[in-house]
C-alpha atoms as a PDB file:
ATOM      1  CA  MET A   1       1.592 -10.762 -14.883  1.00  0.00           C
ATOM      2  CA  GLU A   2      -2.149 -10.921 -14.799  1.00  0.00           C
ATOM      3  CA  GLY A   3      -2.006 -14.497 -15.511  1.00  0.00           C
ATOM      4  CA  ILE A   4       1.004 -13.774 -18.509  1.00  0.00           C
ATOM      5  CA  SER A   5       4.743 -13.429 -18.907  1.00  0.00           C
ATOM      6  CA  ILE A   6       5.271  -9.550 -19.122  1.00  0.00           C
ATOM      7  CA  SER A   7       5.662  -8.609 -22.805  1.00  0.00           C
ATOM      8  CA  LEU A   8       8.434  -6.830 -24.580  1.00  0.00           C
ATOM      9  CA  GLU A   9       5.785  -3.874 -23.969  1.00  0.00           C
ATOM     10  CA  SER A  10       5.795  -4.250 -20.348  1.00  0.00           C
ATOM     11  CA  THR A  11       9.480  -4.048 -20.631  1.00  0.00           C
ATOM     12  CA  ALA A  12       9.814  -0.767 -22.158  1.00  0.00           C
ATOM     13  CA  ARG A  13       7.003   0.439 -20.301  1.00  0.00           C
ATOM     14  CA  PHE A  14       9.087  -0.579 -16.891  1.00  0.00           C
ATOM     15  CA  ALA A  15      12.570   0.883 -18.933  1.00  0.00           C
ATOM     16  CA  VAL A  16      11.007   4.337 -19.032  1.00  0.00           C
ATOM     17  CA  ILE A  17       9.603   4.616 -15.567  1.00  0.00           C
ATOM     18  CA  ALA A  18      12.915   3.521 -14.459  1.00  0.00           C
ATOM     19  CA  GLN A  19      14.346   6.211 -16.817  1.00  0.00           C
ATOM     20  CA  HIS A  20      12.301   9.046 -14.919  1.00  0.00           C
ATOM     21  CA  GLY A  21      13.495   8.161 -11.226  1.00  0.00           C
ATOM     22  CA  GLY A  22      10.067   6.417 -10.743  1.00  0.00           C
ATOM     23  CA  LEU A  23       6.648   6.071 -10.824  1.00  0.00           C
ATOM     24  CA  ILE A  24       5.981  10.126 -10.560  1.00  0.00           C
ATOM     25  CA  GLY A  25       4.403  11.615 -14.215  1.00  0.00           C
ATOM     26  CA  MET A  26       2.214   8.081 -14.823  1.00  0.00           C
ATOM     27  CA  ALA A  27      -1.126   8.980 -15.265  1.00  0.00           C
ATOM     28  CA  GLY A  28      -3.513   8.621 -12.075  1.00  0.00           C
ATOM     29  CA  LEU A  29      -0.633   8.678  -9.315  1.00  0.00           C
ATOM     30  CA  ALA A  30      -1.945  10.791  -6.559  1.00  0.00           C
ATOM     31  CA  CYS A  31      -0.032   9.061  -3.469  1.00  0.00           C
ATOM     32  CA  LEU A  32       3.591   7.955  -3.556  1.00  0.00           C
ATOM     33  CA  TYR A  33       5.086   7.555  -0.237  1.00  0.00           C
ATOM     34  CA  ASP A  34       8.618   5.343  -0.477  1.00  0.00           C
ATOM     35  CA  PRO A  35      10.996   5.150   2.629  1.00  0.00           C
ATOM     36  CA  SER A  36      14.245   4.922   0.235  1.00  0.00           C
ATOM     37  CA  ASP A  37      13.593   8.862  -0.410  1.00  0.00           C
ATOM     38  CA  PRO A  38      15.549  10.270   2.173  1.00  0.00           C
ATOM     39  CA  GLY A  39      14.185  13.870   2.000  1.00  0.00           C
ATOM     40  CA  THR A  40      10.411  13.108   1.869  1.00  0.00           C
ATOM     41  CA  LEU A  41      11.712  11.209   5.984  1.00  0.00           C
ATOM     42  CA  PHE A  42      11.121  13.160   9.200  1.00  0.00           C
ATOM     43  CA  GLN A  43      10.961  12.787  13.016  1.00  0.00           C
ATOM     44  CA  ASP A  44       9.082  14.995  13.825  1.00  0.00           C
ATOM     45  CA  ALA A  45       5.236  15.897  12.076  1.00  0.00           C
ATOM     46  CA  ALA A  46       6.209  19.715  11.443  1.00  0.00           C
ATOM     47  CA  GLY A  47       8.784  18.478   9.072  1.00  0.00           C
ATOM     48  CA  LEU A  48      12.156  20.338  10.644  1.00  0.00           C
ATOM     49  CA  VAL A  49      13.968  16.783  11.558  1.00  0.00           C
ATOM     50  CA  PRO A  50      15.253  14.732   9.573  1.00  0.00           C
ATOM     51  CA  VAL A  51      15.855  11.106   9.202  1.00  0.00           C
ATOM     52  CA  ALA A  52      19.357  10.494   9.643  1.00  0.00           C
ATOM     53  CA  ALA A  53      20.214   7.514   9.720  1.00  0.00           C
ATOM     54  CA  ASP A  54      18.874   3.419  10.484  1.00  0.00           C
ATOM     55  CA  GLY A  55      16.615   3.354  13.556  1.00  0.00           C
ATOM     56  CA  ASP A  56      15.436   6.653  13.726  1.00  0.00           C
ATOM     57  CA  PRO A  57      11.336   7.132  14.155  1.00  0.00           C
ATOM     58  CA  VAL A  58       9.743   8.289  11.670  1.00  0.00           C
ATOM     59  CA  ARG A  59       6.696  10.535  12.860  1.00  0.00           C
ATOM     60  CA  LEU A  60       5.992  12.127   8.816  1.00  0.00           C
ATOM     61  CA  ILE A  61       6.548  10.837   5.452  1.00  0.00           C
ATOM     62  CA  ARG A  62       5.258  13.222   2.238  1.00  0.00           C
ATOM     63  CA  ASN A  63       3.920  12.453  -0.566  1.00  0.00           C
ATOM     64  CA  LYS A  64       6.144  12.422  -3.677  1.00  0.00           C
ATOM     65  CA  VAL A  65       2.918  13.741  -5.937  1.00  0.00           C
ATOM     66  CA  ALA A  66       1.860  16.664  -4.429  1.00  0.00           C
ATOM     67  CA  GLU A  67       2.168  19.055  -1.180  1.00  0.00           C
ATOM     68  CA  SER A  68      -0.928  17.009   0.072  1.00  0.00           C
ATOM     69  CA  ASP A  69      -1.602  13.731   1.527  1.00  0.00           C
ATOM     70  CA  HIS A  70       1.382  13.453   3.380  1.00  0.00           C
ATOM     71  CA  LEU A  71       1.055  10.571   5.863  1.00  0.00           C
ATOM     72  CA  VAL A  72       1.755  11.495   9.770  1.00  0.00           C
ATOM     73  CA  ALA A  73       2.079   9.595  12.602  1.00  0.00           C
ATOM     74  CA  PRO A  74      -0.671  10.391  15.722  1.00  0.00           C
ATOM     75  CA  SER A  75       1.845  10.544  18.236  1.00  0.00           C
ATOM     76  CA  ASP A  76       5.406  10.273  19.165  1.00  0.00           C
ATOM     77  CA  ALA A  77       5.148   6.668  20.508  1.00  0.00           C
ATOM     78  CA  ALA A  78       2.536   5.441  17.428  1.00  0.00           C
ATOM     79  CA  ARG A  79       5.864   6.507  15.108  1.00  0.00           C
ATOM     80  CA  PRO A  80       7.095   3.478  12.784  1.00  0.00           C
ATOM     81  CA  THR A  81      11.396   2.999  12.727  1.00  0.00           C
ATOM     82  CA  PHE A  82      13.390   3.617   9.563  1.00  0.00           C
ATOM     83  CA  ARG A  83      15.386   0.801   8.773  1.00  0.00           C
ATOM     84  CA  SER A  84      18.127   0.938   6.324  1.00  0.00           C
ATOM     85  CA  VAL A  85      19.255  -2.888   5.475  1.00  0.00           C
ATOM     86  CA  ASN A  86      21.988  -3.822   2.525  1.00  0.00           C
ATOM     87  CA  GLY A  87      20.589  -0.834   0.244  1.00  0.00           C
ATOM     88  CA  VAL A  88      17.072  -1.611   1.171  1.00  0.00           C
ATOM     89  CA  GLN A  89      15.065   0.501   2.844  1.00  0.00           C
ATOM     90  CA  TRP A  90      11.600   0.713   4.320  1.00  0.00           C
ATOM     91  CA  LEU A  91       9.653   1.715   7.504  1.00  0.00           C
ATOM     92  CA  GLU A  92       8.540  -1.198  10.594  1.00  0.00           C
ATOM     93  CA  PHE A  93       5.696  -0.804  12.305  1.00  0.00           C
ATOM     94  CA  ASP A  94       5.098  -2.802  16.144  1.00  0.00           C
ATOM     95  CA  ARG A  95       2.582  -4.171  17.170  1.00  0.00           C
ATOM     96  CA  THR A  96       1.626  -2.021  19.693  1.00  0.00           C
ATOM     97  CA  ASP A  97       0.765   1.292  18.909  1.00  0.00           C
ATOM     98  CA  ASP A  98       2.679   2.743  15.434  1.00  0.00           C
ATOM     99  CA  TYR A  99       0.332   3.556  12.431  1.00  0.00           C
ATOM    100  CA  LEU A 100       0.482   6.538   9.726  1.00  0.00           C
ATOM    101  CA  GLU A 101      -2.438   8.127   8.549  1.00  0.00           C
ATOM    102  CA  THR A 102      -3.719  11.253   6.572  1.00  0.00           C
ATOM    103  CA  THR A 103      -6.759  12.391   4.949  1.00  0.00           C
ATOM    104  CA  THR A 104      -7.324  11.755   0.845  1.00  0.00           C
ATOM    105  CA  VAL A 105      -9.795  11.871  -1.435  1.00  0.00           C
ATOM    106  CA  GLY A 106     -11.677   8.877  -2.593  1.00  0.00           C
ATOM    107  CA  GLY A 107     -13.298   7.951  -6.368  1.00  0.00           C
ATOM    108  CA  ASP A 108     -14.615   5.649  -8.840  1.00  0.00           C
ATOM    109  CA  ASN A 109     -11.877   3.736  -9.881  1.00  0.00           C
ATOM    110  CA  HIS A 110      -8.546   3.324  -7.412  1.00  0.00           C
ATOM    111  CA  THR A 111      -5.219   1.280  -7.632  1.00  0.00           C
ATOM    112  CA  ALA A 112      -3.564   1.235  -4.329  1.00  0.00           C
ATOM    113  CA  VAL A 113      -0.056  -0.685  -3.896  1.00  0.00           C
ATOM    114  CA  MET A 114       2.393  -1.829  -1.973  1.00  0.00           C
ATOM    115  CA  ALA A 115       5.637  -3.783  -1.056  1.00  0.00           C
ATOM    116  CA  ALA A 116       5.305  -4.887   1.879  1.00  0.00           C
ATOM    117  CA  ARG A 117       6.178  -8.052   4.436  1.00  0.00           C
ATOM    118  CA  PRO A 118       3.664  -8.692   7.977  1.00  0.00           C
ATOM    119  CA  LEU A 119       6.164  -9.507  10.492  1.00  0.00           C
ATOM    120  CA  ALA A 120       2.964 -10.615  13.382  1.00  0.00           C
ATOM    121  CA  ALA A 121      -0.562 -10.932  13.444  1.00  0.00           C
ATOM    122  CA  SER A 122      -2.799 -12.339  16.059  1.00  0.00           C
ATOM    123  CA  GLY A 123      -6.070 -11.317  14.309  1.00  0.00           C
ATOM    124  CA  VAL A 124      -7.873 -10.360  11.548  1.00  0.00           C
ATOM    125  CA  ASN A 125      -8.643  -7.179  11.459  1.00  0.00           C
ATOM    126  CA  GLU A 126      -3.930  -6.288  11.602  1.00  0.00           C
ATOM    127  CA  SER A 127      -4.401  -4.436   8.123  1.00  0.00           C
ATOM    128  CA  LEU A 128      -1.240  -3.831   5.887  1.00  0.00           C
ATOM    129  CA  TRP A 129      -3.728  -0.420   5.008  1.00  0.00           C
ATOM    130  CA  SER A 130      -7.388   0.571   5.047  1.00  0.00           C
ATOM    131  CA  PHE A 131      -9.427   3.474   3.672  1.00  0.00           C
ATOM    132  CA  ASP A 132     -11.833   4.918   6.415  1.00  0.00           C
ATOM    133  CA  ALA A 133     -14.887   6.954   5.882  1.00  0.00           C
ATOM    134  CA  VAL A 134     -18.647   6.956   6.792  1.00  0.00           C
ATOM    135  CA  SER A 135     -18.888   3.180   4.935  1.00  0.00           C
ATOM    136  CA  ARG A 136     -15.744   2.085   6.380  1.00  0.00           C
ATOM    137  CA  ASP A 137     -14.384   1.366   3.148  1.00  0.00           C
ATOM    138  CA  TYR A 138     -12.478  -1.248   2.774  1.00  0.00           C
ATOM    139  CA  GLN A 139      -9.290  -2.369   4.722  1.00  0.00           C
ATOM    140  CA  VAL A 140      -5.695  -5.358   3.890  1.00  0.00           C
ATOM    141  CA  GLU A 141      -6.020  -7.140   6.527  1.00  0.00           C
ATOM    142  CA  ALA A 142      -4.634 -10.437   7.964  1.00  0.00           C
ATOM    143  CA  GLY A 143      -7.129 -13.128   7.797  1.00  0.00           C
ATOM    144  CA  GLY A 144      -6.585 -14.951  10.709  1.00  0.00           C
ATOM    145  CA  ALA A 145      -4.071 -15.283  13.976  1.00  0.00           C
ATOM    146  CA  ASP A 146      -0.801 -16.423  12.983  1.00  0.00           C
ATOM    147  CA  LYS A 147      -1.391 -16.111   9.665  1.00  0.00           C
ATOM    148  CA  PHE A 148      -1.545 -12.845   6.756  1.00  0.00           C
ATOM    149  CA  TYR A 149      -3.691 -13.548   3.604  1.00  0.00           C
ATOM    150  CA  GLY A 150      -4.136 -10.942   2.999  1.00  0.00           C
ATOM    151  CA  ARG A 151      -7.563 -10.826   2.423  1.00  0.00           C
ATOM    152  CA  VAL A 152      -9.440  -7.737   1.296  1.00  0.00           C
ATOM    153  CA  ASN A 153     -12.068  -7.058   4.151  1.00  0.00           C
ATOM    154  CA  SER A 154     -14.752  -4.011   1.517  1.00  0.00           C
ATOM    155  CA  SER A 155     -18.170  -4.562   2.892  1.00  0.00           C
ATOM    156  CA  GLY A 156     -18.203  -0.810   2.467  1.00  0.00           C
ATOM    157  CA  LEU A 157     -17.870  -1.046  -1.409  1.00  0.00           C
ATOM    158  CA  GLY A 158     -21.288  -3.134  -1.963  1.00  0.00           C
ATOM    159  CA  LEU A 159     -18.968  -6.768  -2.130  1.00  0.00           C
ATOM    160  CA  SER A 160     -20.967  -9.731  -1.221  1.00  0.00           C
ATOM    161  CA  GLY A 161     -17.993 -11.207   0.589  1.00  0.00           C
ATOM    162  CA  PHE A 162     -14.126 -10.457   1.124  1.00  0.00           C
ATOM    163  CA  LEU A 163     -11.026 -10.846  -1.753  1.00  0.00           C
ATOM    164  CA  ASN A 164      -9.450 -13.612  -0.882  1.00  0.00           C
ATOM    165  CA  ASP A 165      -5.580 -15.006  -1.001  1.00  0.00           C
ATOM    166  CA  VAL A 166      -5.277 -18.221   0.063  1.00  0.00           C
ATOM    167  CA  VAL A 167      -1.628 -18.433   0.346  1.00  0.00           C
ATOM    168  CA  ASP A 168      -0.087 -17.380   3.954  1.00  0.00           C
ATOM    169  CA  ARG A 169       2.823 -14.128   3.425  1.00  0.00           C
ATOM    170  CA  LEU A 170       3.863 -13.629   7.337  1.00  0.00           C
ATOM    171  CA  ASP A 171       7.248 -12.701   6.879  1.00  0.00           C
ATOM    172  CA  VAL A 172       7.342 -12.678   2.767  1.00  0.00           C
ATOM    173  CA  ASP A 173       7.703 -10.199   1.444  1.00  0.00           C
ATOM    174  CA  PHE A 174       5.332  -9.447  -1.357  1.00  0.00           C
ATOM    175  CA  VAL A 175       3.654  -6.576  -3.332  1.00  0.00           C
ATOM    176  CA  GLU A 176      -0.210  -6.123  -2.963  1.00  0.00           C
ATOM    177  CA  ALA A 177      -2.534  -3.995  -4.936  1.00  0.00           C
ATOM    178  CA  VAL A 178      -5.831  -3.548  -4.723  1.00  0.00           C
ATOM    179  CA  ARG A 179      -7.999  -2.713  -7.778  1.00  0.00           C
ATOM    180  CA  LEU A 180     -11.421  -1.040  -8.446  1.00  0.00           C
ATOM    181  CA  ASP A 181     -12.449  -0.673 -11.686  1.00  0.00           C
ATOM    182  CA  LEU A 182     -16.073   1.079 -11.910  1.00  0.00           C
ATOM    183  CA  ALA A 183     -16.500   0.918 -15.786  1.00  0.00           C
ATOM    184  CA  ALA A 184     -15.901  -2.820 -15.888  1.00  0.00           C
ATOM    185  CA  GLY A 185     -17.889  -3.278 -12.573  1.00  0.00           C
ATOM    186  CA  THR A 186     -14.726  -5.368 -10.665  1.00  0.00           C
ATOM    187  CA  ALA A 187     -12.457  -5.321  -7.314  1.00  0.00           C
ATOM    188  CA  ALA A 188      -9.663  -7.479  -7.404  1.00  0.00           C
ATOM    189  CA  MET A 189      -7.209  -8.294  -4.955  1.00  0.00           C
ATOM    190  CA  ILE A 190      -3.404  -8.599  -7.307  1.00  0.00           C
ATOM    191  CA  VAL A 191      -0.319 -10.412  -5.545  1.00  0.00           C
ATOM    192  CA  ASP A 192       3.144  -9.817  -6.843  1.00  0.00           C
ATOM    193  CA  GLY A 193       0.862  -9.379 -10.270  1.00  0.00           C
ATOM    194  CA  MET A 194      -1.467 -11.754 -10.709  1.00  0.00           C
ATOM    195  CA  VAL A 195      -4.474 -11.644  -9.668  1.00  0.00           C
ATOM    196  CA  ALA A 196      -5.382 -13.847  -6.298  1.00  0.00           C
ATOM    197  CA  ASP A 197      -9.105 -13.059  -6.345  1.00  0.00           C
ATOM    198  CA  GLN A 198     -11.556 -10.893  -8.142  1.00  0.00           C
ATOM    199  CA  ARG A 199     -15.478  -9.694  -7.287  1.00  0.00           C
ATOM    200  CA  SER A 200     -17.943  -8.594 -10.090  1.00  0.00           C
ATOM    201  CA  GLU A 201     -20.092  -6.690  -7.753  1.00  0.00           C
ATOM    202  CA  TYR A 202     -17.931  -3.487  -8.101  1.00  0.00           C
ATOM    203  CA  THR A 203     -20.937  -0.784  -7.531  1.00  0.00           C
ATOM    204  CA  THR A 204     -20.180   1.501  -5.609  1.00  0.00           C
ATOM    205  CA  PRO A 205     -17.396   3.860  -5.640  1.00  0.00           C
ATOM    206  CA  LEU A 206     -14.858   4.621  -3.157  1.00  0.00           C
ATOM    207  CA  HIS A 207     -16.663   7.727  -0.554  1.00  0.00           C
ATOM    208  CA  PRO A 208     -15.341  10.736  -0.376  1.00  0.00           C
ATOM    209  CA  GLY A 209     -13.133  11.944   2.606  1.00  0.00           C
ATOM    210  CA  GLN A 210     -11.292   8.928   3.363  1.00  0.00           C
ATOM    211  CA  THR A 211      -8.881   8.652   5.923  1.00  0.00           C
ATOM    212  CA  LEU A 212      -6.172   6.401   4.567  1.00  0.00           C
ATOM    213  CA  ARG A 213      -3.878   4.376   7.055  1.00  0.00           C
ATOM    214  CA  ILE A 214      -0.817   2.469   6.688  1.00  0.00           C
ATOM    215  CA  ALA A 215      -0.536  -0.668   9.360  1.00  0.00           C
ATOM    216  CA  ALA A 216      -3.862  -0.262  11.059  1.00  0.00           C
ATOM    217  CA  ASN A 217      -7.465  -0.620  10.265  1.00  0.00           C
ATOM    218  CA  ARG A 218     -10.113   0.993   9.687  1.00  0.00           C
ATOM    219  CA  ALA A 219     -11.128   2.293  13.357  1.00  0.00           C
ATOM    220  CA  ALA A 220      -7.301   2.854  13.902  1.00  0.00           C
ATOM    221  CA  THR A 221      -7.372  -0.827  16.549  1.00  0.00           C
ATOM    222  CA  ASN A 222      -5.137  -3.545  16.565  1.00  0.00           C
ATOM    223  CA  PRO A 223      -1.748  -2.654  14.886  1.00  0.00           C
ATOM    224  CA  CYS A 224      -0.194  -4.437  12.665  1.00  0.00           C
ATOM    225  CA  GLY A 225       3.270  -5.602  12.847  1.00  0.00           C
ATOM    226  CA  MET A 226       4.537  -5.370   9.445  1.00  0.00           C
ATOM    227  CA  ARG A 227       7.113  -3.287   6.331  1.00  0.00           C
ATOM    228  CA  MET A 228       6.287  -1.397   4.627  1.00  0.00           C
ATOM    229  CA  TYR A 229       9.188  -0.880   1.563  1.00  0.00           C
ATOM    230  CA  ALA A 230       7.028   1.548  -0.535  1.00  0.00           C
ATOM    231  CA  PHE A 231       2.699   2.745  -0.926  1.00  0.00           C
ATOM    232  CA  ALA A 232       1.134   4.206  -4.272  1.00  0.00           C
ATOM    233  CA  VAL A 233      -2.024   5.024  -5.083  1.00  0.00           C
ATOM    234  CA  PHE A 234      -3.684   5.622  -8.348  1.00  0.00           C
ATOM    235  CA  ASN A 235      -7.178   7.609  -9.461  1.00  0.00           C
ATOM    236  CA  ARG A 236      -7.297   5.030 -11.889  1.00  0.00           C
ATOM    237  CA  ALA A 237      -7.683   0.864 -12.588  1.00  0.00           C
ATOM    238  CA  LEU A 238      -3.783  -0.428 -13.201  1.00  0.00           C
ATOM    239  CA  THR A 239      -4.122  -3.051 -15.563  1.00  0.00           C
ATOM    240  CA  GLY A 240      -1.964  -4.921 -18.590  1.00  0.00           C
ATOM    241  CA  PRO A 241       1.896  -3.006 -18.837  1.00  0.00           C
ATOM    242  CA  ASP A 242       1.561  -0.048 -16.853  1.00  0.00           C
ATOM    243  CA  LEU A 243       0.425  -2.805 -13.454  1.00  0.00           C
ATOM    244  CA  SER A 244       3.034  -5.702 -14.821  1.00  0.00           C
ATOM    245  CA  ALA A 245       5.817  -1.874 -14.476  1.00  0.00           C
ATOM    246  CA  VAL A 246       4.647  -1.026 -11.479  1.00  0.00           C
ATOM    247  CA  THR A 247       5.046  -4.425  -9.566  1.00  0.00           C
ATOM    248  CA  THR A 248       8.298  -4.904 -11.326  1.00  0.00           C
ATOM    249  CA  TRP A 249       9.223  -1.342  -9.694  1.00  0.00           C
ATOM    250  CA  PHE A 250       7.538  -1.939  -6.510  1.00  0.00           C
ATOM    251  CA  ALA A 251       9.273  -5.785  -6.154  1.00  0.00           C
ATOM    252  CA  ALA A 252      12.747  -3.406  -6.852  1.00  0.00           C
ATOM    253  CA  LYS A 253      12.453  -1.912  -3.320  1.00  0.00           C
ATOM    254  CA  GLN A 254      12.459  -5.481  -1.683  1.00  0.00           C
ATOM    255  CA  GLY A 255      15.315  -6.146  -3.648  1.00  0.00           C
ATOM    256  CA  ARG A 256      13.509  -8.913  -5.705  1.00  0.00           C
ATOM    257  CA  THR A 257      13.083  -9.349  -9.176  1.00  0.00           C
ATOM    258  CA  ILE A 258       9.758 -10.827 -10.591  1.00  0.00           C
END
């Protein structure tokens, strides 16, 4: 990954991750949302009515890392649907009003990772996820009607342009990551472990007081029709064996091996 084959070190690191039941315990992990863990899914915002079966609505998905930053739908109408098919679980968002959100911190270094499948897109603003602060830091958006390039609209981070994927991934499973490395001064878009685009202009860290949204852009409009198999945020720039291991773990949530 990142242009090289998975090394023995990466394979060993993934084995350690699997042994410990997932990503919990990895350095810098701030948030993890995993629809395959039914104990984290609830039909109500108070967390009193558990999700029990395929087709149930999801109002709350708990952060597995900490007792904070839980994702909540702003209304019952905005609830995505829990799906479980052939041993694979995901949240499915319609293009009408479904999305989840939470408040979280920013930071200098950052890697957000999602196992996703966009299902429909009619315009550029439909986003897999977004981070919104005073400057609307970034969103991972469609990039065109009836296409999904997963481009990173990052005007709030001091970049002179978008991070662009050149492959239409509409109705395709993939693992997308956005990596912000202030020490290196780089912002990168990574797809299935490979750097799709990178800019050496990252000089403005994510602002404090972020609103994280899943399946909505920074303005909480243009809901995205999509599947989310898992999502995580690290407060560090993932590289090398760690990035490879995390990407492999996320792809497995989709039933894929990469």
